[in-house]
N, C-alpha and C. Protein backbone atom coordinates (compact mmCIF):
# COMPACT_ATOMS: atom_id res chain seq x y z
N MET A 1 4.97 4.37 2.97
CA MET A 1 5.57 5.05 4.11
C MET A 1 6.79 4.27 4.59
N ALA A 2 7.89 4.97 4.81
CA ALA A 2 9.12 4.32 5.24
C ALA A 2 8.95 3.76 6.64
N ARG A 3 9.48 2.59 6.85
CA ARG A 3 9.42 1.97 8.17
C ARG A 3 10.40 2.67 9.11
N SER A 4 9.97 2.90 10.36
CA SER A 4 10.83 3.56 11.33
C SER A 4 12.07 2.72 11.60
N THR A 5 13.22 3.41 11.69
CA THR A 5 14.48 2.72 12.01
C THR A 5 14.88 2.94 13.46
N GLU A 6 14.02 3.54 14.25
CA GLU A 6 14.33 3.78 15.66
C GLU A 6 14.54 2.45 16.37
N ARG A 7 15.63 2.40 17.16
CA ARG A 7 15.93 1.21 17.93
C ARG A 7 16.21 1.60 19.37
N PRO A 8 15.64 0.87 20.32
CA PRO A 8 14.64 -0.18 20.09
C PRO A 8 13.30 0.41 19.64
N GLN A 9 12.51 -0.39 18.97
CA GLN A 9 11.20 0.08 18.55
C GLN A 9 10.37 0.44 19.78
N PRO A 10 9.75 1.62 19.79
CA PRO A 10 8.95 2.01 20.96
C PRO A 10 7.64 1.23 21.03
N PRO A 11 7.09 1.10 22.22
CA PRO A 11 5.79 0.44 22.35
C PRO A 11 4.71 1.19 21.57
N ARG A 12 3.83 0.45 20.95
CA ARG A 12 2.68 1.02 20.25
C ARG A 12 1.49 0.93 21.20
N VAL A 13 1.46 1.87 22.12
CA VAL A 13 0.50 1.77 23.22
C VAL A 13 -0.34 3.01 23.31
N SER A 14 -1.61 2.82 23.65
CA SER A 14 -2.53 3.93 23.86
C SER A 14 -3.36 3.63 25.09
N PRO A 15 -3.84 4.67 25.77
CA PRO A 15 -4.64 4.44 26.97
C PRO A 15 -5.98 3.80 26.63
N PRO A 16 -6.62 3.17 27.61
CA PRO A 16 -7.92 2.55 27.33
C PRO A 16 -8.96 3.58 26.89
N ASP A 17 -9.83 3.17 26.01
CA ASP A 17 -10.93 3.99 25.52
C ASP A 17 -12.09 3.84 26.50
N LEU A 18 -12.28 4.84 27.35
CA LEU A 18 -13.26 4.75 28.44
C LEU A 18 -14.38 5.77 28.25
N PRO A 19 -15.57 5.46 28.74
CA PRO A 19 -16.69 6.42 28.64
C PRO A 19 -16.47 7.61 29.57
N ASP A 20 -17.15 8.71 29.28
CA ASP A 20 -17.06 9.89 30.14
C ASP A 20 -17.67 9.62 31.51
N GLU A 21 -18.68 8.79 31.57
CA GLU A 21 -19.34 8.45 32.83
C GLU A 21 -19.56 6.94 32.89
N PHE A 22 -19.47 6.42 34.12
CA PHE A 22 -19.72 5.00 34.34
C PHE A 22 -21.00 4.81 35.14
N GLU A 23 -21.65 3.69 34.93
CA GLU A 23 -22.70 3.25 35.85
C GLU A 23 -22.05 2.39 36.93
N ASP A 24 -22.57 2.47 38.15
CA ASP A 24 -22.05 1.63 39.22
C ASP A 24 -22.53 0.20 39.03
N GLY A 25 -21.63 -0.73 39.28
CA GLY A 25 -21.97 -2.14 39.11
C GLY A 25 -21.23 -3.01 40.09
N VAL A 26 -21.56 -4.28 40.06
CA VAL A 26 -20.93 -5.28 40.92
C VAL A 26 -20.33 -6.35 40.04
N GLY A 27 -19.08 -6.69 40.31
CA GLY A 27 -18.41 -7.69 39.50
C GLY A 27 -18.82 -9.10 39.89
N ARG A 28 -18.90 -9.98 38.89
CA ARG A 28 -19.30 -11.37 39.12
C ARG A 28 -18.37 -12.31 38.37
N ARG A 29 -18.06 -13.41 38.97
CA ARG A 29 -17.31 -14.47 38.29
C ARG A 29 -18.08 -14.91 37.05
N HIS A 30 -17.38 -15.03 35.93
CA HIS A 30 -17.96 -15.41 34.63
C HIS A 30 -18.96 -14.36 34.11
N GLY A 31 -19.02 -13.20 34.75
CA GLY A 31 -20.00 -12.19 34.33
C GLY A 31 -19.53 -11.38 33.13
N ASP A 32 -20.49 -10.72 32.48
CA ASP A 32 -20.23 -9.77 31.39
C ASP A 32 -20.43 -8.38 31.94
N HIS A 33 -19.42 -7.50 31.82
CA HIS A 33 -19.47 -6.17 32.41
C HIS A 33 -19.07 -5.15 31.36
N VAL A 34 -19.93 -4.17 31.09
CA VAL A 34 -19.67 -3.16 30.07
C VAL A 34 -20.01 -1.78 30.63
N GLY A 35 -19.04 -0.85 30.57
CA GLY A 35 -19.29 0.53 30.96
C GLY A 35 -19.60 0.73 32.43
N LEU A 36 -18.98 -0.07 33.29
CA LEU A 36 -19.31 -0.04 34.72
C LEU A 36 -18.12 0.41 35.56
N ARG A 37 -18.46 1.02 36.71
CA ARG A 37 -17.48 1.27 37.77
C ARG A 37 -17.70 0.19 38.80
N ILE A 38 -16.64 -0.62 39.07
CA ILE A 38 -16.80 -1.84 39.84
C ILE A 38 -15.78 -1.86 40.97
N PRO A 39 -16.22 -2.12 42.21
CA PRO A 39 -15.23 -2.28 43.29
C PRO A 39 -14.52 -3.63 43.16
N LEU A 40 -13.22 -3.63 43.43
CA LEU A 40 -12.47 -4.87 43.39
C LEU A 40 -12.97 -5.82 44.47
N THR A 41 -13.23 -7.05 44.08
CA THR A 41 -13.67 -8.08 45.00
C THR A 41 -12.86 -9.34 44.76
N GLU A 42 -13.09 -10.34 45.60
CA GLU A 42 -12.20 -11.50 45.61
C GLU A 42 -12.32 -12.36 44.36
N ASP A 43 -13.52 -12.65 43.89
CA ASP A 43 -13.68 -13.63 42.82
C ASP A 43 -14.28 -13.00 41.57
N LEU A 44 -13.41 -12.64 40.63
CA LEU A 44 -13.83 -12.09 39.34
C LEU A 44 -13.25 -12.94 38.20
N ALA A 45 -12.92 -14.18 38.52
CA ALA A 45 -12.25 -15.04 37.54
C ALA A 45 -13.14 -15.32 36.34
N HIS A 46 -12.50 -15.38 35.16
CA HIS A 46 -13.15 -15.75 33.90
C HIS A 46 -14.30 -14.81 33.52
N ALA A 47 -14.29 -13.61 34.08
CA ALA A 47 -15.29 -12.61 33.70
C ALA A 47 -14.78 -11.81 32.50
N GLN A 48 -15.69 -11.06 31.87
CA GLN A 48 -15.34 -10.18 30.76
C GLN A 48 -15.65 -8.74 31.16
N PHE A 49 -14.68 -7.87 30.90
CA PHE A 49 -14.81 -6.45 31.24
C PHE A 49 -14.49 -5.63 29.99
N GLU A 50 -15.39 -4.73 29.63
CA GLU A 50 -15.15 -3.84 28.50
C GLU A 50 -15.52 -2.42 28.91
N GLN A 51 -14.57 -1.50 28.73
CA GLN A 51 -14.75 -0.08 29.08
C GLN A 51 -15.23 0.06 30.53
N CYS A 52 -14.48 -0.57 31.43
CA CYS A 52 -14.81 -0.56 32.86
C CYS A 52 -13.69 0.06 33.68
N SER A 53 -14.06 0.53 34.88
CA SER A 53 -13.10 1.04 35.84
C SER A 53 -13.24 0.24 37.12
N LEU A 54 -12.13 -0.35 37.60
CA LEU A 54 -12.13 -1.14 38.83
C LEU A 54 -11.20 -0.47 39.83
N SER A 55 -11.60 -0.47 41.09
CA SER A 55 -10.77 0.18 42.10
C SER A 55 -11.14 -0.34 43.48
N GLY A 56 -10.26 -0.03 44.46
CA GLY A 56 -10.57 -0.33 45.84
C GLY A 56 -9.60 -1.32 46.46
N ALA A 57 -9.97 -1.81 47.64
CA ALA A 57 -9.13 -2.72 48.41
C ALA A 57 -9.83 -4.05 48.59
N ALA A 58 -9.04 -5.12 48.59
CA ALA A 58 -9.58 -6.46 48.81
C ALA A 58 -8.47 -7.35 49.35
N GLU A 59 -8.86 -8.43 50.06
CA GLU A 59 -7.88 -9.36 50.58
C GLU A 59 -7.13 -10.07 49.47
N ARG A 60 -7.82 -10.32 48.36
CA ARG A 60 -7.24 -10.95 47.18
C ARG A 60 -8.18 -10.65 46.02
N VAL A 61 -7.62 -10.42 44.85
CA VAL A 61 -8.44 -10.18 43.66
C VAL A 61 -8.08 -11.24 42.62
N ASP A 62 -9.05 -12.09 42.29
CA ASP A 62 -8.82 -13.16 41.34
C ASP A 62 -9.48 -12.82 40.01
N LEU A 63 -8.64 -12.42 39.05
CA LEU A 63 -9.10 -12.15 37.68
C LEU A 63 -8.50 -13.18 36.73
N ALA A 64 -8.17 -14.33 37.24
CA ALA A 64 -7.56 -15.37 36.40
C ALA A 64 -8.49 -15.74 35.26
N GLY A 65 -7.92 -15.82 34.06
CA GLY A 65 -8.71 -16.22 32.90
C GLY A 65 -9.69 -15.18 32.42
N ALA A 66 -9.64 -13.98 32.98
CA ALA A 66 -10.58 -12.93 32.59
C ALA A 66 -10.16 -12.30 31.26
N THR A 67 -11.11 -11.61 30.63
CA THR A 67 -10.85 -10.83 29.42
C THR A 67 -11.09 -9.37 29.74
N LEU A 68 -10.07 -8.52 29.51
CA LEU A 68 -10.17 -7.10 29.80
C LEU A 68 -9.86 -6.31 28.54
N LEU A 69 -10.83 -5.53 28.09
CA LEU A 69 -10.68 -4.70 26.90
C LEU A 69 -11.04 -3.26 27.27
N ASP A 70 -10.08 -2.35 27.15
CA ASP A 70 -10.30 -0.94 27.51
C ASP A 70 -10.77 -0.84 28.96
N VAL A 71 -9.84 -1.16 29.87
CA VAL A 71 -10.14 -1.20 31.31
C VAL A 71 -9.07 -0.45 32.07
N GLU A 72 -9.46 0.18 33.17
CA GLU A 72 -8.50 0.76 34.10
C GLU A 72 -8.70 0.14 35.48
N ILE A 73 -7.57 -0.07 36.18
CA ILE A 73 -7.59 -0.50 37.58
C ILE A 73 -6.87 0.59 38.35
N VAL A 74 -7.62 1.30 39.21
CA VAL A 74 -7.11 2.51 39.83
C VAL A 74 -6.94 2.30 41.33
N ASP A 75 -5.75 2.63 41.82
CA ASP A 75 -5.47 2.64 43.27
C ASP A 75 -5.85 1.31 43.92
N ALA A 76 -5.44 0.21 43.31
CA ALA A 76 -5.72 -1.10 43.89
C ALA A 76 -4.84 -1.32 45.12
N ARG A 77 -5.44 -1.80 46.18
CA ARG A 77 -4.72 -2.12 47.40
C ARG A 77 -5.07 -3.55 47.79
N THR A 78 -4.14 -4.44 47.49
CA THR A 78 -4.42 -5.86 47.71
C THR A 78 -3.12 -6.64 47.80
N PRO A 79 -3.08 -7.69 48.63
CA PRO A 79 -1.89 -8.54 48.65
C PRO A 79 -1.67 -9.30 47.35
N VAL A 80 -2.76 -9.64 46.64
CA VAL A 80 -2.65 -10.40 45.39
C VAL A 80 -3.64 -9.87 44.37
N LEU A 81 -3.12 -9.51 43.20
CA LEU A 81 -3.96 -9.19 42.05
C LEU A 81 -3.57 -10.19 40.96
N SER A 82 -4.41 -11.20 40.78
CA SER A 82 -4.09 -12.28 39.85
C SER A 82 -4.79 -12.07 38.52
N LEU A 83 -3.98 -11.92 37.48
CA LEU A 83 -4.46 -11.88 36.10
C LEU A 83 -3.86 -13.06 35.33
N LYS A 84 -3.65 -14.13 36.03
CA LYS A 84 -3.06 -15.32 35.43
C LYS A 84 -3.92 -15.81 34.27
N ASP A 85 -3.27 -16.05 33.12
CA ASP A 85 -3.94 -16.58 31.92
C ASP A 85 -5.03 -15.65 31.40
N ALA A 86 -4.98 -14.38 31.78
CA ALA A 86 -5.98 -13.42 31.29
C ALA A 86 -5.65 -13.00 29.86
N THR A 87 -6.66 -12.47 29.17
CA THR A 87 -6.48 -11.86 27.85
C THR A 87 -6.73 -10.37 28.01
N ILE A 88 -5.72 -9.56 27.68
CA ILE A 88 -5.74 -8.14 28.01
C ILE A 88 -5.42 -7.31 26.77
N ARG A 89 -6.24 -6.29 26.53
CA ARG A 89 -5.93 -5.31 25.48
C ARG A 89 -6.34 -3.93 25.98
N ARG A 90 -5.38 -3.06 26.10
CA ARG A 90 -5.55 -1.69 26.60
C ARG A 90 -6.06 -1.70 28.05
N LEU A 91 -5.15 -2.01 28.94
CA LEU A 91 -5.38 -1.97 30.38
C LEU A 91 -4.41 -0.98 31.00
N ARG A 92 -4.93 -0.10 31.87
CA ARG A 92 -4.07 0.80 32.64
C ARG A 92 -4.23 0.46 34.12
N ILE A 93 -3.10 0.21 34.79
CA ILE A 93 -3.06 0.03 36.23
C ILE A 93 -2.39 1.26 36.80
N ALA A 94 -3.15 2.09 37.50
CA ALA A 94 -2.66 3.39 37.95
C ALA A 94 -2.64 3.45 39.47
N GLY A 95 -1.44 3.70 40.02
CA GLY A 95 -1.31 3.83 41.46
C GLY A 95 -1.52 2.50 42.16
N GLY A 96 -1.64 2.59 43.47
CA GLY A 96 -1.96 1.40 44.24
C GLY A 96 -0.75 0.75 44.89
N ARG A 97 -1.06 -0.17 45.78
CA ARG A 97 -0.06 -0.95 46.52
C ARG A 97 -0.45 -2.41 46.38
N ILE A 98 0.34 -3.17 45.62
CA ILE A 98 0.00 -4.55 45.27
C ILE A 98 1.13 -5.46 45.75
N GLY A 99 0.78 -6.49 46.49
CA GLY A 99 1.79 -7.44 46.92
C GLY A 99 2.31 -8.23 45.74
N THR A 100 1.45 -9.01 45.11
CA THR A 100 1.80 -9.80 43.93
C THR A 100 0.89 -9.42 42.78
N LEU A 101 1.49 -9.00 41.67
CA LEU A 101 0.75 -8.80 40.42
C LEU A 101 1.12 -9.96 39.52
N ASP A 102 0.19 -10.90 39.37
CA ASP A 102 0.46 -12.15 38.66
C ASP A 102 -0.14 -12.09 37.26
N LEU A 103 0.75 -11.94 36.27
CA LEU A 103 0.36 -11.95 34.86
C LEU A 103 0.90 -13.20 34.17
N SER A 104 1.22 -14.22 34.92
CA SER A 104 1.81 -15.42 34.34
C SER A 104 0.83 -16.06 33.36
N GLY A 105 1.36 -16.44 32.20
CA GLY A 105 0.54 -17.09 31.19
C GLY A 105 -0.45 -16.19 30.48
N ALA A 106 -0.44 -14.90 30.79
CA ALA A 106 -1.41 -13.99 30.19
C ALA A 106 -0.99 -13.59 28.78
N HIS A 107 -1.98 -13.21 27.96
CA HIS A 107 -1.75 -12.61 26.65
C HIS A 107 -2.07 -11.12 26.78
N VAL A 108 -1.05 -10.29 26.66
CA VAL A 108 -1.18 -8.87 27.00
C VAL A 108 -0.77 -8.00 25.83
N ALA A 109 -1.62 -7.05 25.48
CA ALA A 109 -1.28 -6.04 24.47
C ALA A 109 -1.73 -4.68 24.99
N GLU A 110 -0.84 -3.72 24.96
CA GLU A 110 -1.13 -2.34 25.37
C GLU A 110 -1.50 -2.26 26.86
N LEU A 111 -0.50 -2.54 27.67
CA LEU A 111 -0.62 -2.42 29.13
C LEU A 111 0.17 -1.21 29.58
N ILE A 112 -0.45 -0.38 30.41
CA ILE A 112 0.22 0.75 31.05
C ILE A 112 0.16 0.53 32.55
N VAL A 113 1.33 0.50 33.20
CA VAL A 113 1.38 0.43 34.67
C VAL A 113 2.15 1.66 35.13
N GLU A 114 1.52 2.48 35.98
CA GLU A 114 2.16 3.74 36.36
C GLU A 114 1.93 4.04 37.83
N HIS A 115 2.97 4.61 38.46
CA HIS A 115 2.90 5.08 39.85
C HIS A 115 2.44 3.98 40.80
N ALA A 116 2.87 2.75 40.54
CA ALA A 116 2.44 1.63 41.38
C ALA A 116 3.62 1.08 42.17
N ARG A 117 3.29 0.56 43.35
CA ARG A 117 4.28 -0.14 44.17
C ARG A 117 3.89 -1.61 44.19
N ILE A 118 4.79 -2.46 43.69
CA ILE A 118 4.49 -3.88 43.53
C ILE A 118 5.65 -4.69 44.10
N ASP A 119 5.35 -5.58 45.04
CA ASP A 119 6.41 -6.38 45.64
C ASP A 119 6.90 -7.46 44.68
N TYR A 120 5.98 -8.08 43.97
CA TYR A 120 6.35 -9.20 43.11
C TYR A 120 5.54 -9.12 41.82
N LEU A 121 6.24 -8.90 40.71
CA LEU A 121 5.61 -8.85 39.39
C LEU A 121 5.99 -10.10 38.63
N SER A 122 5.00 -10.94 38.32
CA SER A 122 5.27 -12.18 37.59
C SER A 122 4.71 -12.10 36.18
N LEU A 123 5.64 -12.27 35.22
CA LEU A 123 5.25 -12.38 33.80
C LEU A 123 5.67 -13.75 33.27
N ALA A 124 5.80 -14.72 34.13
CA ALA A 124 6.29 -16.04 33.74
C ALA A 124 5.42 -16.63 32.64
N ALA A 125 6.07 -17.01 31.53
CA ALA A 125 5.40 -17.64 30.40
C ALA A 125 4.30 -16.77 29.79
N ALA A 126 4.32 -15.50 30.08
CA ALA A 126 3.34 -14.59 29.48
C ALA A 126 3.79 -14.16 28.10
N LYS A 127 2.83 -13.72 27.29
CA LYS A 127 3.13 -13.08 26.02
C LYS A 127 2.68 -11.64 26.14
N ILE A 128 3.63 -10.72 26.19
CA ILE A 128 3.31 -9.32 26.46
C ILE A 128 3.96 -8.44 25.40
N GLN A 129 3.18 -7.51 24.85
CA GLN A 129 3.72 -6.62 23.84
C GLN A 129 3.13 -5.22 24.01
N ASP A 130 3.85 -4.23 23.50
CA ASP A 130 3.40 -2.84 23.47
C ASP A 130 2.91 -2.37 24.84
N SER A 131 3.83 -2.38 25.80
CA SER A 131 3.48 -2.05 27.18
C SER A 131 4.55 -1.16 27.80
N VAL A 132 4.13 -0.36 28.80
CA VAL A 132 5.02 0.60 29.45
C VAL A 132 4.81 0.55 30.96
N PHE A 133 5.92 0.49 31.70
CA PHE A 133 5.91 0.60 33.16
C PHE A 133 6.59 1.91 33.52
N THR A 134 5.87 2.81 34.18
CA THR A 134 6.38 4.15 34.44
C THR A 134 6.28 4.48 35.93
N ASP A 135 7.37 5.00 36.49
CA ASP A 135 7.38 5.45 37.89
C ASP A 135 6.89 4.36 38.83
N CYS A 136 7.41 3.14 38.64
CA CYS A 136 7.01 2.01 39.47
C CYS A 136 8.16 1.58 40.38
N THR A 137 7.80 1.15 41.57
CA THR A 137 8.76 0.57 42.50
C THR A 137 8.45 -0.91 42.61
N LEU A 138 9.40 -1.75 42.19
CA LEU A 138 9.20 -3.19 42.11
C LEU A 138 10.27 -3.88 42.93
N ALA A 139 9.88 -4.84 43.74
CA ALA A 139 10.89 -5.60 44.47
C ALA A 139 11.48 -6.68 43.56
N THR A 140 10.64 -7.59 43.10
CA THR A 140 11.10 -8.67 42.23
C THR A 140 10.30 -8.66 40.93
N VAL A 141 11.03 -8.75 39.81
CA VAL A 141 10.40 -8.88 38.49
C VAL A 141 10.77 -10.26 37.97
N ASP A 142 9.77 -11.07 37.67
CA ASP A 142 9.96 -12.46 37.32
C ASP A 142 9.46 -12.67 35.89
N VAL A 143 10.39 -12.89 34.94
CA VAL A 143 9.97 -13.04 33.54
C VAL A 143 10.50 -14.32 32.88
N PRO A 144 10.66 -15.42 33.61
CA PRO A 144 11.18 -16.62 32.97
C PRO A 144 10.23 -17.15 31.90
N ALA A 145 10.81 -17.52 30.75
CA ALA A 145 10.06 -18.11 29.63
C ALA A 145 8.99 -17.18 29.08
N ALA A 146 9.09 -15.88 29.35
CA ALA A 146 8.13 -14.91 28.80
C ALA A 146 8.56 -14.50 27.40
N SER A 147 7.57 -14.11 26.60
CA SER A 147 7.82 -13.54 25.28
C SER A 147 7.45 -12.06 25.35
N VAL A 148 8.44 -11.19 25.21
CA VAL A 148 8.27 -9.76 25.47
C VAL A 148 8.66 -8.97 24.22
N THR A 149 7.73 -8.16 23.71
CA THR A 149 7.96 -7.41 22.48
C THR A 149 7.55 -5.95 22.66
N ARG A 150 8.45 -5.04 22.38
CA ARG A 150 8.19 -3.59 22.48
C ARG A 150 7.62 -3.23 23.86
N VAL A 151 8.42 -3.48 24.87
CA VAL A 151 8.06 -3.16 26.26
C VAL A 151 9.15 -2.25 26.81
N ARG A 152 8.74 -1.22 27.56
CA ARG A 152 9.69 -0.23 28.06
C ARG A 152 9.42 0.06 29.53
N PHE A 153 10.52 0.24 30.28
CA PHE A 153 10.46 0.71 31.66
C PHE A 153 10.97 2.14 31.70
N GLU A 154 10.26 2.99 32.45
CA GLU A 154 10.64 4.40 32.57
C GLU A 154 10.67 4.78 34.05
N ARG A 155 11.78 5.34 34.51
CA ARG A 155 11.90 5.88 35.88
C ARG A 155 11.39 4.89 36.92
N SER A 156 11.80 3.64 36.78
CA SER A 156 11.36 2.59 37.69
C SER A 156 12.57 1.90 38.29
N ARG A 157 12.35 1.19 39.38
CA ARG A 157 13.44 0.48 40.03
C ARG A 157 12.98 -0.90 40.47
N ALA A 158 13.95 -1.81 40.57
CA ALA A 158 13.66 -3.17 41.02
C ALA A 158 14.86 -3.69 41.78
N ASP A 159 14.61 -4.57 42.74
CA ASP A 159 15.71 -5.21 43.46
C ASP A 159 16.31 -6.34 42.63
N GLU A 160 15.45 -7.17 42.02
CA GLU A 160 15.92 -8.38 41.36
C GLU A 160 15.06 -8.66 40.13
N VAL A 161 15.72 -9.03 39.04
CA VAL A 161 15.01 -9.37 37.80
C VAL A 161 15.44 -10.77 37.38
N ASP A 162 14.48 -11.69 37.30
CA ASP A 162 14.76 -13.06 36.89
C ASP A 162 14.42 -13.19 35.41
N THR A 163 15.45 -13.29 34.55
CA THR A 163 15.25 -13.31 33.11
C THR A 163 15.48 -14.69 32.50
N ARG A 164 15.52 -15.73 33.30
CA ARG A 164 15.84 -17.06 32.77
C ARG A 164 14.84 -17.48 31.69
N GLY A 165 15.36 -17.80 30.52
CA GLY A 165 14.50 -18.26 29.43
C GLY A 165 13.70 -17.16 28.76
N LEU A 166 14.02 -15.91 29.04
CA LEU A 166 13.31 -14.78 28.44
C LEU A 166 13.53 -14.74 26.93
N ARG A 167 12.46 -14.47 26.18
CA ARG A 167 12.55 -14.22 24.75
C ARG A 167 12.11 -12.78 24.52
N ALA A 168 13.07 -11.92 24.18
CA ALA A 168 12.80 -10.48 24.13
C ALA A 168 13.09 -9.91 22.75
N ASP A 169 12.26 -8.95 22.36
CA ASP A 169 12.46 -8.18 21.14
C ASP A 169 12.06 -6.75 21.46
N ALA A 170 13.03 -5.84 21.43
CA ALA A 170 12.78 -4.43 21.75
C ALA A 170 12.27 -4.26 23.18
N LEU A 171 12.92 -4.95 24.11
CA LEU A 171 12.65 -4.74 25.54
C LEU A 171 13.64 -3.69 26.03
N ASP A 172 13.13 -2.52 26.38
CA ASP A 172 13.97 -1.38 26.75
C ASP A 172 14.06 -1.31 28.28
N LEU A 173 15.22 -1.67 28.80
CA LEU A 173 15.44 -1.70 30.25
C LEU A 173 16.23 -0.49 30.74
N ARG A 174 16.46 0.48 29.88
CA ARG A 174 17.28 1.62 30.29
C ARG A 174 16.66 2.41 31.44
N GLY A 175 15.34 2.40 31.53
CA GLY A 175 14.68 3.14 32.60
C GLY A 175 14.38 2.32 33.83
N LEU A 176 15.00 1.12 33.93
CA LEU A 176 14.81 0.25 35.09
C LEU A 176 16.11 0.17 35.87
N ASP A 177 16.14 0.75 37.05
CA ASP A 177 17.30 0.71 37.93
C ASP A 177 17.21 -0.58 38.74
N ALA A 178 17.87 -1.63 38.25
CA ALA A 178 17.79 -2.95 38.88
C ALA A 178 19.09 -3.28 39.60
N LEU A 179 18.98 -3.82 40.80
CA LEU A 179 20.17 -4.19 41.56
C LEU A 179 20.81 -5.46 41.03
N ALA A 180 19.99 -6.38 40.47
CA ALA A 180 20.55 -7.65 40.01
C ALA A 180 19.69 -8.26 38.92
N PHE A 181 20.37 -8.83 37.90
CA PHE A 181 19.74 -9.67 36.90
C PHE A 181 20.23 -11.09 37.13
N LEU A 182 19.31 -12.04 37.27
CA LEU A 182 19.71 -13.39 37.66
C LEU A 182 20.34 -14.17 36.52
N ASP A 183 20.05 -13.83 35.27
CA ASP A 183 20.63 -14.56 34.14
C ASP A 183 20.92 -13.59 33.01
N VAL A 184 22.14 -13.09 32.94
CA VAL A 184 22.47 -12.11 31.90
C VAL A 184 22.53 -12.76 30.53
N THR A 185 22.65 -14.07 30.45
CA THR A 185 22.69 -14.73 29.15
C THR A 185 21.34 -14.69 28.45
N SER A 186 20.29 -14.33 29.18
CA SER A 186 18.95 -14.24 28.60
C SER A 186 18.57 -12.81 28.26
N LEU A 187 19.54 -11.90 28.23
CA LEU A 187 19.24 -10.49 27.95
C LEU A 187 19.32 -10.15 26.46
N ARG A 188 19.49 -11.15 25.62
CA ARG A 188 19.48 -10.91 24.18
C ARG A 188 18.14 -10.30 23.77
N GLY A 189 18.18 -9.25 22.95
CA GLY A 189 16.95 -8.59 22.52
C GLY A 189 16.52 -7.46 23.42
N THR A 190 17.33 -7.18 24.45
CA THR A 190 17.04 -6.05 25.34
C THR A 190 17.97 -4.88 25.01
N THR A 191 17.60 -3.70 25.52
CA THR A 191 18.45 -2.52 25.40
C THR A 191 18.81 -2.03 26.80
N LEU A 192 20.12 -1.85 27.02
CA LEU A 192 20.63 -1.36 28.29
C LEU A 192 21.41 -0.07 28.05
N SER A 193 21.54 0.73 29.09
CA SER A 193 22.35 1.94 29.01
C SER A 193 23.82 1.58 29.20
N PRO A 194 24.75 2.44 28.75
CA PRO A 194 26.17 2.18 29.00
C PRO A 194 26.47 1.98 30.48
N ARG A 195 25.83 2.74 31.34
CA ARG A 195 26.05 2.59 32.78
C ARG A 195 25.61 1.22 33.27
N GLN A 196 24.47 0.74 32.79
CA GLN A 196 24.02 -0.59 33.19
C GLN A 196 24.99 -1.66 32.73
N VAL A 197 25.48 -1.53 31.51
CA VAL A 197 26.43 -2.52 31.00
C VAL A 197 27.72 -2.49 31.82
N GLU A 198 28.15 -1.30 32.19
CA GLU A 198 29.36 -1.17 33.01
C GLU A 198 29.18 -1.90 34.34
N LEU A 199 28.03 -1.72 34.97
CA LEU A 199 27.78 -2.36 36.26
C LEU A 199 27.67 -3.88 36.13
N LEU A 200 27.19 -4.33 34.97
CA LEU A 200 27.00 -5.77 34.77
C LEU A 200 28.23 -6.44 34.16
N ALA A 201 29.26 -5.66 33.84
CA ALA A 201 30.42 -6.21 33.15
C ALA A 201 31.01 -7.44 33.84
N PRO A 202 31.21 -7.44 35.17
CA PRO A 202 31.76 -8.65 35.80
C PRO A 202 30.86 -9.87 35.61
N VAL A 203 29.54 -9.65 35.63
CA VAL A 203 28.61 -10.77 35.46
C VAL A 203 28.67 -11.28 34.03
N PHE A 204 28.73 -10.34 33.05
CA PHE A 204 28.88 -10.75 31.65
C PHE A 204 30.16 -11.56 31.47
N ALA A 205 31.22 -11.11 32.10
CA ALA A 205 32.51 -11.79 31.96
C ALA A 205 32.43 -13.21 32.51
N ARG A 206 31.86 -13.38 33.69
CA ARG A 206 31.74 -14.72 34.26
C ARG A 206 30.90 -15.62 33.37
N ALA A 207 29.81 -15.06 32.80
CA ALA A 207 28.95 -15.85 31.92
C ALA A 207 29.70 -16.30 30.66
N ALA A 208 30.69 -15.50 30.24
CA ALA A 208 31.49 -15.84 29.07
C ALA A 208 32.70 -16.70 29.42
N GLY A 209 32.84 -17.07 30.68
CA GLY A 209 33.94 -17.91 31.10
C GLY A 209 35.23 -17.15 31.31
N ILE A 210 35.13 -15.85 31.53
CA ILE A 210 36.32 -15.02 31.73
C ILE A 210 36.59 -14.86 33.21
N ASP A 211 37.81 -15.12 33.62
CA ASP A 211 38.23 -14.95 35.02
C ASP A 211 38.72 -13.53 35.19
N VAL A 212 38.00 -12.74 35.96
CA VAL A 212 38.36 -11.33 36.19
C VAL A 212 39.00 -11.20 37.56
N GLN A 213 40.24 -10.72 37.62
CA GLN A 213 40.93 -10.55 38.89
C GLN A 213 41.68 -9.22 38.88
N ASP A 214 41.86 -8.66 40.06
CA ASP A 214 42.69 -7.45 40.21
C ASP A 214 44.15 -7.86 40.11
């Protein structure tokens, strides 16, 4: 079979494989959870979740170091949703109002984030591939030293994107209406629209040592 020549390569993403019905359960730190509907609570760190649905409101949700396989997080309302250093495969975050979504240091494959409002999205030093952000409102997107492969933004907006040290391959930013990129020299491996390039032209010029004057 001929290899696709589409550029950038689209994310190879599918929604989580979830059961038709869930049993109600309670999440526990270091716990094993399979096929459960679980309310979001403060301490779920280092737990394992497979084919689960999590939802609700909490003062803080700590999923640091957790493993999530075929999981959805629906309508989360929390100042902090920490997935720091988590291992993720096929996670959908749908809706919700999240202050900080912390994916720093996480290993992520097949993430879908849709219809969410997030003040601060951190992917610092994360390894993320085959993921899509759709219809999201983001204040700050922080991706320093992240490794990003086949990730796409669709119909989303952000105030500020910190790309310092970003390593990107097929990162499609055409659907991200961003007011500012903090380091345009780290945009290698991304795809921008002609309009985005036009708006960033003065910044590109300064980065190249070009003095632009009227």
